Amino acid sequence: MNAILEDRLRAHFREQAALDVLEDPDPRAVIDRAQAVPAPLPSPRRRPPARGTARGLVLIAGLAAACLLAVVAIVATRGDGDKVGTNDDPDPTTTDQPERRPATTAPDATSTTVPETTATTPAGPAASVRSVVVAPLGVLGWWDGRHWVAAWDHQPVPLLGGEQYQLTRIGTSRVTVTGPAPTTAECVDERPIVRLDAFAGDVDTVVGVTGVADIQPRPVTVLDPAGYQDDAVAALASVGIDDPAARPKLVVRTDLDGDGSDEVLMQVERIADYGTLRPEAGDYSAVFLRRVVGGEVRTLPVEHFVADMSGEGPGYIVLSSVVAVADLNGDGRMEVVLDSDYYEGSNTVAYELAGNGTLVEVMGTGCGV
């Protein structure tokens, strides 16, 4: 008889499972009524009640222990199938809906929106200054707040027209003028040029600076060249030029770097034909910087050129002239501007005082072949 009852119960539960109308029996209640308690089962998550009409179970009194164990086995099998979590789930009321976990995947490096770090502009007066330097031959270049930019590198010129320029040259007073927008010079390299009225005519080179409040924070004084004749002879000898009768053409004194100690610029030359600048034997041109280094006066060459009459040289002489001393970027230090003329063209070049005490070329322009 026990076998008959067991078969009927199994058939009954199979039918209810197929119809999906059987309520989940309480495993703990069944186990409590069992004569023998099986090993503990994992606690399934609670889920919403099954849809449909619930039917009661008819329990037959005196059901054999074997039948009860069969019921427990069936219930355990259905409970394992409903699990979606683990026993250590901290939320006992969670239903068996799919877990929603926050995304932990790092964003793709190619789609990041983090802005790039920009370089920091150095502190000091030059950090907020953007100045442009011009001369009759064209735009020399500009200071971008961190670096010198030479116009002959074919960079776009940061000028729109209407800028105010302070004009200066050795031996003259400063004036302020308004400049037009840059155009292209009719020259071999077609470099940019600002055509100021002050540049018109046959005059010495005038340098214009825009964007600097005071282009000459310290005096620039022209001295009597006769007092530097011996210095000129010694300076020429240091670069291999022998001229005991040398006499400077121009001597300028100023404090370039504002350290309280003056520097002297000395222009020395011997040119037979200033009209064509075609070289003759003995022609030379040189510019020197004299400054105090370690308590001693030292003379350093800036530019020098000697005529080569051997037929192996360039066949021309370059005449270097000091044309202006001015602060070209607003940092309180003054730069030196030289003209270099030869029979087929000219250059205007700006030099700054480097840390080693020499004058180093930073930008320039020119026209010729």
Protein backbone atom coordinates (compact mmCIF):
# COMPACT_ATOMS: atom_id res chain seq x y z
CA MET A 1 0.00 0.00 0.00
CA ASN A 2 2.86 2.37 0.79
CA ALA A 3 4.18 1.96 -2.72
CA ILE A 4 0.72 2.77 -4.15
CA LEU A 5 0.47 6.00 -2.06
CA GLU A 6 3.95 7.07 -3.02
CA ASP A 7 3.21 6.62 -6.73
CA ARG A 8 -0.03 8.64 -6.43
CA LEU A 9 1.74 11.50 -4.66
CA ARG A 10 4.51 11.67 -7.27
CA ALA A 11 1.93 11.70 -10.07
CA HIS A 12 0.00 14.47 -8.31
CA PHE A 13 3.04 16.73 -7.92
CA ARG A 14 4.15 16.16 -11.50
CA GLU A 15 0.71 17.30 -12.66
CA GLN A 16 0.82 20.47 -10.52
CA ALA A 17 4.34 21.31 -11.68
CA ALA A 18 3.25 21.04 -15.30
CA LEU A 19 0.31 23.39 -14.74
CA ASP A 20 2.51 25.87 -12.78
CA VAL A 21 -0.29 26.40 -10.28
CA LEU A 22 1.29 24.64 -7.36
CA GLU A 23 2.26 26.90 -4.52
CA ASP A 24 5.67 26.40 -3.07
CA PRO A 25 5.25 24.26 0.04
CA ASP A 26 7.09 25.34 3.14
CA PRO A 27 10.11 23.02 3.36
CA ARG A 28 10.66 23.78 7.04
CA ALA A 29 7.11 22.77 7.96
CA VAL A 30 7.43 19.47 6.07
CA ILE A 31 10.80 18.72 7.63
CA ASP A 32 9.47 19.46 11.12
CA ARG A 33 6.80 16.83 10.59
CA ALA A 34 9.19 14.30 9.26
CA GLN A 35 10.44 11.57 11.52
CA ALA A 36 13.94 11.99 10.28
CA VAL A 37 15.45 15.47 9.50
CA PRO A 38 17.65 15.62 6.36
CA ALA A 39 20.79 17.78 5.96
CA PRO A 40 20.06 21.56 5.81
CA LEU A 41 19.31 22.97 2.35
CA PRO A 42 20.45 26.37 0.97
CA SER A 43 17.88 29.11 1.72
CA PRO A 44 16.33 30.14 -1.58
CA ARG A 45 15.52 33.78 -2.28
CA ARG A 46 11.88 34.69 -1.87
CA ARG A 47 10.08 35.43 -5.09
CA PRO A 48 6.60 36.72 -5.94
CA PRO A 49 3.83 34.17 -5.48
CA ALA A 50 3.07 31.95 -8.48
CA ARG A 51 0.18 33.08 -10.62
CA GLY A 52 -3.03 31.03 -10.70
CA THR A 53 -5.38 29.54 -8.19
CA ALA A 54 -3.75 27.80 -5.20
CA ARG A 55 -4.85 24.29 -4.42
CA GLY A 56 -4.60 22.74 -0.98
CA LEU A 57 -2.78 19.56 -0.38
CA VAL A 58 -4.52 16.56 1.07
CA LEU A 59 -2.23 14.97 3.55
CA ILE A 60 -2.89 11.36 4.25
CA ALA A 61 -2.64 10.47 7.89
CA GLY A 62 -0.04 7.99 8.70
CA LEU A 63 2.00 8.73 5.59
CA ALA A 64 5.09 6.66 5.67
CA ALA A 65 8.42 8.31 6.32
CA ALA A 66 9.50 7.33 2.84
CA CYS A 67 6.68 9.40 1.29
CA LEU A 68 7.61 12.45 3.40
CA LEU A 69 11.22 12.18 2.33
CA ALA A 70 10.07 12.03 -1.30
CA VAL A 71 8.11 15.27 -0.84
CA VAL A 72 11.14 16.96 0.71
CA ALA A 73 13.31 15.84 -2.20
CA ILE A 74 10.85 17.28 -4.75
CA VAL A 75 10.63 20.62 -2.89
CA ALA A 76 14.39 20.86 -2.58
CA THR A 77 14.76 20.26 -6.31
CA ARG A 78 12.34 23.15 -7.12
CA GLY A 79 14.05 25.50 -4.62
CA ASP A 80 17.50 24.97 -6.16
CA GLY A 81 16.12 25.88 -9.57
CA ASP A 82 14.86 29.26 -8.29
CA LYS A 83 18.20 30.45 -6.78
CA VAL A 84 19.86 33.64 -8.19
CA GLY A 85 21.97 34.67 -5.23
CA THR A 86 24.03 33.25 -2.44
CA ASN A 87 23.40 32.46 1.18
CA ASP A 88 25.25 35.59 2.31
CA ASP A 89 22.93 37.95 0.42
CA PRO A 90 22.49 40.83 2.91
CA ASP A 91 18.97 41.64 1.64
CA PRO A 92 16.53 38.85 2.63
CA THR A 93 13.65 40.56 0.79
CA THR A 94 15.35 40.60 -2.60
CA THR A 95 13.32 38.92 -5.31
CA ASP A 96 14.90 36.78 -7.95
CA GLN A 97 15.07 39.60 -10.52
CA PRO A 98 18.39 39.93 -12.42
CA GLU A 99 21.08 41.70 -10.44
CA ARG A 100 21.95 45.25 -11.52
CA ARG A 101 25.58 45.99 -10.91
CA PRO A 102 27.25 49.38 -11.43
CA ALA A 103 29.56 49.55 -14.40
CA THR A 104 33.16 49.13 -13.33
CA THR A 105 34.83 49.15 -16.74
CA ALA A 106 37.23 52.08 -17.19
CA PRO A 107 36.26 54.45 -20.01
CA ASP A 108 38.05 54.09 -23.28
CA ALA A 109 41.18 56.24 -23.32
CA THR A 110 40.33 57.51 -26.78
CA SER A 111 37.01 58.96 -25.64
CA THR A 112 38.07 60.67 -22.42
CA THR A 113 36.94 64.25 -21.93
CA VAL A 114 39.62 65.24 -19.42
CA PRO A 115 41.14 68.52 -20.65
CA GLU A 116 44.80 68.58 -21.55
CA THR A 117 47.20 70.29 -19.18
CA THR A 118 48.62 73.45 -20.67
CA ALA A 119 52.10 74.79 -20.07
CA THR A 120 52.40 77.36 -17.33
CA THR A 121 53.55 80.80 -18.40
CA PRO A 122 56.54 81.99 -16.38
CA ALA A 123 55.88 84.62 -13.75
CA GLY A 124 57.17 88.15 -14.16
CA PRO A 125 56.53 91.14 -16.42
CA ALA A 126 57.00 89.15 -19.62
CA ALA A 127 54.31 86.62 -18.64
CA SER A 128 51.48 88.97 -19.72
CA VAL A 129 53.23 90.76 -22.61
CA ARG A 130 52.82 89.99 -26.27
CA SER A 131 55.05 92.38 -28.20
CA VAL A 132 55.90 92.67 -31.87
CA VAL A 133 59.09 94.22 -33.28
CA VAL A 134 59.24 95.83 -36.72
CA ALA A 135 61.83 97.68 -38.83
CA PRO A 136 61.88 99.14 -42.36
CA LEU A 137 62.91 95.75 -43.78
CA GLY A 138 59.92 94.01 -42.21
CA VAL A 139 58.66 92.33 -39.04
CA LEU A 140 61.56 90.93 -37.00
CA GLY A 141 59.39 88.76 -34.77
CA TRP A 142 57.60 88.81 -31.43
CA TRP A 143 57.56 87.60 -27.84
CA ASP A 144 54.71 85.16 -27.11
CA GLY A 145 55.03 85.30 -23.31
CA ARG A 146 57.58 82.48 -23.14
CA HIS A 147 59.69 82.48 -26.32
CA TRP A 148 60.99 84.64 -29.12
CA VAL A 149 59.32 83.88 -32.45
CA ALA A 150 61.27 84.93 -35.55
CA ALA A 151 59.24 86.23 -38.46
CA TRP A 152 61.62 84.64 -40.93
CA ASP A 153 60.35 81.25 -39.71
CA HIS A 154 57.19 82.13 -41.73
CA GLN A 155 54.88 82.15 -38.69
CA PRO A 156 51.55 84.04 -38.91
CA VAL A 157 52.14 87.61 -37.70
CA PRO A 158 49.93 88.60 -34.70
CA LEU A 159 49.06 92.05 -36.06
CA LEU A 160 45.69 93.33 -37.26
CA GLY A 161 46.49 97.03 -37.82
CA GLY A 162 45.88 99.97 -35.53
CA GLU A 163 48.60 98.97 -33.05
CA GLN A 164 50.61 101.67 -31.28
CA TYR A 165 54.38 101.49 -31.89
CA GLN A 166 57.15 103.13 -29.91
CA LEU A 167 59.92 104.03 -32.35
CA THR A 168 63.58 104.35 -31.43
CA ARG A 169 67.06 104.45 -32.89
CA ILE A 170 70.46 105.38 -31.50
CA GLY A 171 70.79 109.12 -30.90
CA THR A 172 67.12 110.06 -31.35
CA SER A 173 64.11 110.64 -29.11
CA ARG A 174 61.34 108.08 -28.92
CA VAL A 175 58.03 108.72 -30.68
CA THR A 176 54.72 106.83 -30.80
CA VAL A 177 52.84 106.14 -34.03
CA THR A 178 49.90 104.01 -35.19
CA GLY A 179 50.68 101.26 -37.65
CA PRO A 180 48.66 99.66 -40.44
CA ALA A 181 48.06 95.95 -40.91
CA PRO A 182 51.09 94.01 -42.19
CA THR A 183 51.51 93.35 -45.88
CA THR A 184 54.00 91.33 -47.90
CA ALA A 185 57.38 92.79 -48.74
CA GLU A 186 58.40 92.75 -52.38
CA CYS A 187 61.48 90.76 -51.60
CA VAL A 188 62.96 87.37 -52.34
CA ASP A 189 61.36 85.71 -49.31
CA GLU A 190 58.13 87.78 -49.35
CA ARG A 191 58.31 88.40 -45.61
CA PRO A 192 55.68 90.42 -43.70
CA ILE A 193 56.24 94.15 -43.38
CA VAL A 194 54.52 97.04 -41.58
CA ARG A 195 54.82 100.21 -43.63
CA LEU A 196 55.16 103.03 -41.10
CA ASP A 197 55.54 106.59 -42.37
CA ALA A 198 58.66 106.92 -40.20
CA PHE A 199 60.30 104.16 -42.27
CA ALA A 200 59.96 106.10 -45.53
CA GLY A 201 62.94 107.87 -47.05
CA ASP A 202 66.65 107.36 -46.80
CA VAL A 203 67.08 107.32 -43.02
CA ASP A 204 68.92 105.19 -40.52
CA THR A 205 67.06 102.11 -39.33
CA VAL A 206 64.21 102.82 -36.91
CA VAL A 207 62.91 100.02 -34.70
CA GLY A 208 59.22 99.93 -33.72
CA VAL A 209 57.88 97.98 -30.73
CA THR A 210 54.24 97.38 -29.83
CA GLY A 211 52.94 95.85 -26.60
CA VAL A 212 55.67 97.19 -24.26
CA ALA A 213 54.96 100.06 -21.88
CA ASP A 214 58.54 101.40 -21.71
CA ILE A 215 61.04 100.24 -24.30
CA GLN A 216 63.96 102.08 -22.64
CA PRO A 217 63.78 101.65 -18.86
CA ARG A 218 67.39 102.93 -18.54
CA PRO A 219 69.35 105.60 -20.43
CA VAL A 220 71.14 104.78 -23.68
CA THR A 221 74.05 107.19 -24.06
CA VAL A 222 76.28 107.82 -27.09
CA LEU A 223 79.93 108.36 -25.99
CA ASP A 224 82.91 110.05 -27.66
CA PRO A 225 84.62 107.31 -29.76
CA ALA A 226 88.07 108.87 -29.27
CA GLY A 227 88.19 107.63 -25.70
CA TYR A 228 87.99 103.99 -26.87
CA GLN A 229 90.69 103.89 -29.55
CA ASP A 230 93.05 101.64 -27.60
CA ASP A 231 90.14 99.38 -26.68
CA ALA A 232 89.19 99.12 -30.34
CA VAL A 233 92.70 98.11 -31.42
CA ALA A 234 92.84 95.42 -28.73
CA ALA A 235 89.37 94.14 -29.58
CA LEU A 236 90.21 93.82 -33.28
CA ALA A 237 93.42 91.96 -32.47
CA SER A 238 91.37 89.42 -30.46
CA VAL A 239 89.59 88.38 -33.68
CA GLY A 240 92.67 88.47 -35.89
CA ILE A 241 92.38 91.99 -37.36
CA ASP A 242 95.51 94.12 -37.23
CA ASP A 243 94.81 97.86 -37.44
CA PRO A 244 96.86 100.06 -35.11
CA ALA A 245 95.03 103.15 -36.37
CA ALA A 246 91.56 101.76 -35.63
CA ARG A 247 89.03 104.16 -34.19
CA PRO A 248 85.47 103.26 -33.22
CA LYS A 249 82.68 104.54 -35.41
CA LEU A 250 80.10 104.40 -32.59
CA VAL A 251 80.26 103.77 -28.82
CA VAL A 252 77.05 103.35 -26.78
CA ARG A 253 76.79 102.87 -23.02
CA THR A 254 73.78 101.42 -21.18
CA ASP A 255 72.79 98.91 -18.50
CA LEU A 256 71.28 96.11 -20.58
CA ASP A 257 70.15 93.78 -17.81
CA GLY A 258 69.47 96.27 -15.02
CA ASP A 259 72.10 94.87 -12.64
CA GLY A 260 73.59 98.30 -11.95
CA SER A 261 76.70 97.71 -14.08
CA ASP A 262 76.91 99.37 -17.50
CA GLU A 263 77.72 97.60 -20.76
CA VAL A 264 79.38 99.29 -23.74
CA LEU A 265 78.68 98.53 -27.41
CA MET A 266 81.53 99.43 -29.75
CA GLN A 267 81.23 99.56 -33.54
CA VAL A 268 84.56 99.54 -35.40
CA GLU A 269 85.05 99.49 -39.17
CA ARG A 270 87.19 100.42 -42.14
CA ILE A 271 85.31 100.50 -45.43
CA ALA A 272 86.83 101.88 -48.64
CA ASP A 273 83.56 102.21 -50.59
CA TYR A 274 80.44 102.82 -48.50
CA GLY A 275 78.41 103.37 -51.67
CA THR A 276 78.66 99.86 -53.12
CA LEU A 277 80.18 97.98 -50.17
CA ARG A 278 82.33 96.09 -52.62
CA PRO A 279 85.34 94.85 -50.70
CA GLU A 280 88.88 96.15 -50.95
CA ALA A 281 91.98 94.88 -49.23
CA GLY A 282 91.97 95.76 -45.54
CA ASP A 283 88.21 96.30 -45.26
CA TYR A 284 86.57 95.03 -42.09
CA SER A 285 83.54 95.62 -39.87
CA ALA A 286 83.02 94.53 -36.28
CA VAL A 287 80.76 95.09 -33.25
CA PHE A 288 81.97 94.30 -29.72
CA LEU A 289 80.32 94.14 -26.30
CA ARG A 290 82.35 95.33 -23.30
CA ARG A 291 81.08 94.36 -19.86
CA VAL A 292 82.32 93.61 -16.36
CA VAL A 293 82.70 89.89 -15.65
CA GLY A 294 84.03 88.79 -12.27
CA GLY A 295 85.28 92.29 -11.50
CA GLU A 296 87.18 92.57 -14.80
CA VAL A 297 86.25 94.30 -18.04
CA ARG A 298 85.97 91.84 -20.91
CA THR A 299 85.47 92.56 -24.60
CA LEU A 300 83.37 90.02 -26.51
CA PRO A 301 82.75 89.98 -30.29
CA VAL A 302 79.13 90.21 -31.44
CA GLU A 303 79.70 90.34 -35.23
CA HIS A 304 82.85 90.76 -37.31
CA PHE A 305 83.63 90.45 -41.01
CA VAL A 306 86.90 90.77 -42.93
CA ALA A 307 87.23 91.22 -46.69
CA ASP A 308 88.66 88.14 -48.37
CA MET A 309 90.62 89.14 -51.47
CA SER A 310 91.94 85.65 -52.21
CA GLY A 311 89.15 84.87 -54.64
CA GLU A 312 87.96 82.02 -52.43
CA GLY A 313 85.76 84.17 -50.19
CA PRO A 314 82.24 85.54 -50.76
CA GLY A 315 83.51 88.58 -52.70
CA TYR A 316 81.69 91.16 -50.60
CA ILE A 317 81.94 92.97 -47.27
CA VAL A 318 79.20 93.02 -44.62
CA LEU A 319 78.84 96.26 -42.66
CA SER A 320 77.42 95.70 -39.16
CA SER A 321 75.91 98.71 -37.37
CA VAL A 322 74.35 99.22 -33.93
CA VAL A 323 70.96 100.81 -34.69
CA ALA A 324 68.89 100.49 -31.49
CA VAL A 325 68.92 99.39 -27.87
CA ALA A 326 65.45 98.72 -26.41
CA ASP A 327 63.38 96.39 -24.25
CA LEU A 328 61.60 94.37 -26.94
CA ASN A 329 59.46 92.12 -24.73
CA GLY A 330 58.74 94.09 -21.55
CA ASP A 331 60.86 92.00 -19.17
CA GLY A 332 62.98 94.97 -18.07
CA ARG A 333 66.07 93.78 -19.95
CA MET A 334 67.10 95.57 -23.12
CA GLU A 335 68.01 93.91 -26.40
CA VAL A 336 70.44 95.13 -29.07
CA VAL A 337 69.40 95.56 -32.72
CA LEU A 338 72.02 95.48 -35.50
CA ASP A 339 71.83 96.15 -39.21
CA SER A 340 74.00 94.08 -41.54
CA ASP A 341 74.33 95.65 -44.99
CA TYR A 342 76.03 94.27 -48.09
CA TYR A 343 75.92 95.31 -51.71
CA GLU A 344 72.97 93.05 -52.61
CA GLY A 345 70.80 93.38 -49.52
CA SER A 346 70.35 94.01 -45.81
CA ASN A 347 69.35 92.25 -42.60
CA THR A 348 68.03 93.61 -39.29
CA VAL A 349 68.66 91.29 -36.35
CA ALA A 350 67.86 91.48 -32.62
CA TYR A 351 70.17 90.04 -29.93
CA GLU A 352 69.54 89.42 -26.25
CA LEU A 353 72.06 89.23 -23.41
CA ALA A 354 72.45 85.54 -22.54
CA GLY A 355 73.33 84.07 -19.17
CA ASN A 356 76.98 83.63 -20.17
CA GLY A 357 77.28 87.37 -20.88
CA THR A 358 77.26 87.16 -24.67
CA LEU A 359 74.77 88.63 -27.11
CA VAL A 360 72.76 85.90 -28.84
CA GLU A 361 70.61 86.35 -31.96
CA VAL A 362 66.91 85.81 -31.30
CA MET A 363 65.02 87.10 -34.36
CA GLY A 364 65.39 89.16 -37.50
CA THR A 365 64.33 89.94 -41.03
CA GLY A 366 65.99 90.90 -44.27
CA CYS A 367 65.75 91.51 -47.97
CA GLY A 368 68.20 90.71 -50.74
CA VAL A 369 69.96 87.90 -52.54
